[in-house]
Amino acid sequence: MPEAFDWDMLHRPSAMAMVRGQLGFSWMVLSGRLAQLTDEQYFWRPSSEALTVVRRHYAGHFRSLGSGEWVAQWPDEPDHRGPRTIAWLIAHLTETFFERWEWTFGASRQGRADITLHGNARDAVAWLTYWVEAWQDAIAALDEDEVMTVGLSQANELDAAEPFGHVVLRLNRELIHHGSEIMTLQDLYAVAA
């Protein structure tokens, strides 16, 4: 069951409160939908060419993202527009939040390739939840002044060169964008089944 949204945040007059409110509300909506996710929805392919999460030896001609038995098929081109499964979208969100947390608040040792992915909806949703909530807790503990610190996150060159608030906004955008895709795929699965 998703946590309740902190509605008092809407009355806090700061930029970071607005950013945290956007993240919190967006996660509340998405996690509510993910609570109903089945394995069939998780792996449903809207097309036979949809990127997904597979056992390592089935990655095909794609690069593999993940450190264990289950990996995400990762395209070579950064703006790949092909369809994706819910499994792939959850894997992508998980590695995004994991890597940003690790290189901002963690030991700064592991990257996206080190993430553990899962072959079922329940465990994948639990792992995504863990990293989104770790991220939420960490940014909630920051002083307002730290939000403007350039290079607070060292996850990549872009993060290292910009005020941390931009990193937080980018992760919000990732959650909203891919969360919308996940919910749309759930809706399409419901009418296709």
Protein backbone atom coordinates (compact mmCIF):
# COMPACT_ATOMS: atom_id res chain seq x y z
CA MET A 1 0.00 0.00 0.00
CA PRO A 2 1.52 3.36 -1.01
CA GLU A 3 2.26 5.90 1.67
CA ALA A 4 -0.12 8.82 2.01
CA PHE A 5 0.97 12.07 0.41
CA ASP A 6 2.18 14.83 2.76
CA TRP A 7 -0.46 17.44 1.86
CA ASP A 8 1.14 19.96 4.25
CA MET A 9 4.00 20.21 1.77
CA LEU A 10 1.69 22.26 -0.45
CA HIS A 11 1.80 25.05 2.11
CA ARG A 12 5.59 25.24 2.48
CA PRO A 13 6.93 28.29 0.62
CA SER A 14 10.14 26.94 -0.91
CA ALA A 15 11.28 25.68 -4.28
CA MET A 16 12.46 22.40 -2.80
CA ALA A 17 9.12 21.80 -1.10
CA MET A 18 7.46 22.16 -4.51
CA VAL A 19 9.97 19.77 -6.12
CA ARG A 20 9.54 17.24 -3.30
CA GLY A 21 5.78 17.63 -3.52
CA GLN A 22 5.85 16.87 -7.24
CA LEU A 23 7.95 13.76 -6.63
CA GLY A 24 5.83 12.62 -3.68
CA PHE A 25 2.51 13.04 -5.46
CA SER A 26 3.74 11.45 -8.70
CA TRP A 27 5.14 8.47 -6.78
CA MET A 28 1.90 8.09 -4.79
CA VAL A 29 -0.10 7.83 -8.03
CA LEU A 30 2.33 5.44 -9.75
CA SER A 31 2.92 3.22 -6.71
CA GLY A 32 -0.84 2.88 -6.33
CA ARG A 33 -1.03 1.48 -9.85
CA LEU A 34 2.05 -0.69 -9.37
CA ALA A 35 0.45 -2.29 -6.31
CA GLN A 36 -1.93 -4.02 -8.75
CA LEU A 37 0.74 -5.07 -11.26
CA THR A 38 0.69 -8.73 -12.31
CA ASP A 39 3.51 -10.74 -13.86
CA GLU A 40 1.47 -10.93 -17.08
CA GLN A 41 1.27 -7.12 -17.27
CA TYR A 42 4.92 -6.80 -16.24
CA PHE A 43 6.15 -8.86 -19.21
CA TRP A 44 3.41 -8.00 -21.73
CA ARG A 45 4.92 -6.97 -25.04
CA PRO A 46 2.94 -4.40 -27.03
CA SER A 47 5.00 -5.58 -30.02
CA SER A 48 7.33 -8.51 -30.63
CA GLU A 49 10.25 -6.06 -30.77
CA ALA A 50 9.57 -4.39 -27.42
CA LEU A 51 12.57 -4.01 -25.14
CA THR A 52 12.13 -6.02 -21.96
CA VAL A 53 13.84 -7.72 -19.03
CA VAL A 54 15.12 -11.20 -19.85
CA ARG A 55 17.43 -13.84 -18.46
CA ARG A 56 20.99 -12.86 -19.36
CA HIS A 57 21.45 -15.51 -22.05
CA TYR A 58 18.35 -14.22 -23.91
CA ALA A 59 19.52 -10.60 -24.25
CA GLY A 60 19.97 -11.08 -27.99
CA HIS A 61 21.83 -8.40 -29.93
CA PHE A 62 21.21 -5.80 -27.22
CA ARG A 63 23.66 -4.81 -24.52
CA SER A 64 22.68 -6.11 -21.08
CA LEU A 65 21.98 -3.84 -18.13
CA GLY A 66 22.09 -5.52 -14.74
CA SER A 67 24.45 -7.64 -12.71
CA GLY A 68 22.49 -10.82 -12.12
CA GLU A 69 20.50 -13.46 -13.92
CA TRP A 70 17.90 -10.92 -15.12
CA VAL A 71 18.98 -8.03 -17.35
CA ALA A 72 17.33 -5.24 -19.29
CA GLN A 73 17.88 -5.22 -23.03
CA TRP A 74 19.69 -1.93 -23.60
CA PRO A 75 19.80 -0.36 -27.07
CA ASP A 76 22.99 1.14 -28.49
CA GLU A 77 21.36 4.40 -29.50
CA PRO A 78 20.46 6.76 -26.61
CA ASP A 79 17.20 7.96 -28.18
CA HIS A 80 15.82 4.52 -29.11
CA ARG A 81 12.11 4.99 -29.70
CA GLY A 82 11.05 1.37 -29.86
CA PRO A 83 8.31 0.06 -27.61
CA ARG A 84 9.19 -1.16 -24.11
CA THR A 85 7.55 -3.43 -21.60
CA ILE A 86 6.57 -2.44 -18.08
CA ALA A 87 9.42 -4.68 -16.91
CA TRP A 88 11.90 -2.58 -18.90
CA LEU A 89 10.42 0.72 -17.69
CA ILE A 90 10.58 -0.39 -14.04
CA ALA A 91 14.18 -1.56 -14.56
CA HIS A 92 15.10 1.80 -16.08
CA LEU A 93 13.50 3.79 -13.26
CA THR A 94 15.15 1.54 -10.68
CA GLU A 95 18.64 1.96 -12.13
CA THR A 96 18.11 5.72 -12.46
CA PHE A 97 17.12 6.24 -8.83
CA PHE A 98 19.71 3.72 -7.61
CA GLU A 99 22.59 5.35 -9.49
CA ARG A 100 21.65 8.89 -8.45
CA TRP A 101 21.31 7.87 -4.80
CA GLU A 102 24.60 5.95 -4.87
CA TRP A 103 26.57 8.83 -6.42
CA THR A 104 24.97 11.56 -4.30
CA PHE A 105 24.34 10.03 -0.88
CA GLY A 106 25.99 6.59 -1.06
CA ALA A 107 29.51 5.23 -1.38
CA SER A 108 29.93 6.37 -5.04
CA ARG A 109 31.18 2.95 -6.12
CA GLN A 110 28.40 1.22 -8.05
CA GLY A 111 26.79 2.27 -11.29
CA ARG A 112 23.73 1.36 -13.28
CA ALA A 113 25.35 -1.85 -14.56
CA ASP A 114 25.59 -3.11 -10.96
CA ILE A 115 21.83 -3.01 -10.30
CA THR A 116 19.97 -6.24 -9.55
CA LEU A 117 16.87 -6.71 -11.69
CA HIS A 118 13.98 -9.11 -11.15
CA GLY A 119 12.02 -11.62 -13.17
CA ASN A 120 8.68 -10.95 -11.47
CA ALA A 121 6.49 -7.93 -10.82
CA ARG A 122 6.38 -8.17 -7.03
CA ASP A 123 10.14 -8.10 -6.49
CA ALA A 124 10.73 -5.49 -9.21
CA VAL A 125 8.15 -3.13 -7.71
CA ALA A 126 9.60 -3.66 -4.21
CA TRP A 127 13.11 -2.83 -5.49
CA LEU A 128 11.92 0.29 -7.32
CA THR A 129 10.02 1.35 -4.20
CA TYR A 130 13.15 0.91 -2.10
CA TRP A 131 15.23 3.22 -4.30
CA VAL A 132 12.56 5.87 -4.86
CA GLU A 133 11.94 6.06 -1.11
CA ALA A 134 15.69 6.15 -0.36
CA TRP A 135 15.97 9.07 -2.80
CA GLN A 136 12.96 10.84 -1.28
CA ASP A 137 14.32 10.47 2.25
CA ALA A 138 17.77 11.70 1.24
CA ILE A 139 16.57 14.83 -0.53
CA ALA A 140 14.14 15.57 2.31
CA ALA A 141 17.10 15.65 4.71
CA LEU A 142 18.99 18.26 2.69
CA ASP A 143 19.20 21.85 3.80
CA GLU A 144 17.55 24.22 1.35
CA ASP A 145 20.95 25.78 0.51
CA GLU A 146 22.38 22.40 -0.56
CA VAL A 147 19.89 22.20 -3.40
CA MET A 148 21.91 24.80 -5.31
CA THR A 149 25.23 22.96 -4.81
CA VAL A 150 26.89 22.29 -8.16
CA GLY A 151 28.25 18.76 -8.35
CA LEU A 152 26.48 17.35 -5.29
CA SER A 153 25.65 14.36 -7.51
CA GLN A 154 28.55 12.78 -9.37
CA ALA A 155 26.51 10.14 -11.23
CA ASN A 156 27.55 11.52 -14.62
CA GLU A 157 29.10 14.59 -16.26
CA LEU A 158 25.78 16.42 -16.50
CA ASP A 159 24.99 15.91 -12.80
CA ALA A 160 28.47 17.05 -11.78
CA ALA A 161 28.15 20.29 -13.74
CA GLU A 162 24.76 21.54 -12.56
CA PRO A 163 23.00 22.63 -9.36
CA PHE A 164 21.56 19.62 -7.56
CA GLY A 165 18.01 20.97 -7.87
CA HIS A 166 18.20 20.31 -11.60
CA VAL A 167 19.13 16.68 -10.93
CA VAL A 168 16.09 16.30 -8.67
CA LEU A 169 13.82 17.87 -11.28
CA ARG A 170 15.22 15.54 -13.95
CA LEU A 171 14.47 12.49 -11.82
CA ASN A 172 10.96 13.83 -11.20
CA ARG A 173 10.54 14.14 -14.97
CA GLU A 174 11.80 10.56 -15.47
CA LEU A 175 9.30 9.25 -12.90
CA ILE A 176 6.40 11.19 -14.43
CA HIS A 177 7.31 10.31 -18.01
CA HIS A 178 7.96 6.60 -17.52
CA GLY A 179 5.23 6.28 -14.90
CA SER A 180 2.76 7.52 -17.51
CA GLU A 181 4.07 4.93 -19.96
CA ILE A 182 3.65 2.19 -17.36
CA MET A 183 0.05 3.19 -16.62
CA THR A 184 -0.75 3.42 -20.34
CA LEU A 185 0.66 -0.07 -20.90
CA GLN A 186 -1.46 -1.37 -18.00
CA ASP A 187 -4.53 0.16 -19.65
CA LEU A 188 -3.63 -1.24 -23.08
CA TYR A 189 -3.02 -4.69 -21.58
CA ALA A 190 -6.48 -4.57 -19.98
CA VAL A 191 -8.21 -4.02 -23.32
CA ALA A 192 -5.91 -6.38 -25.28
CA ALA A 193 -6.33 -9.32 -22.90
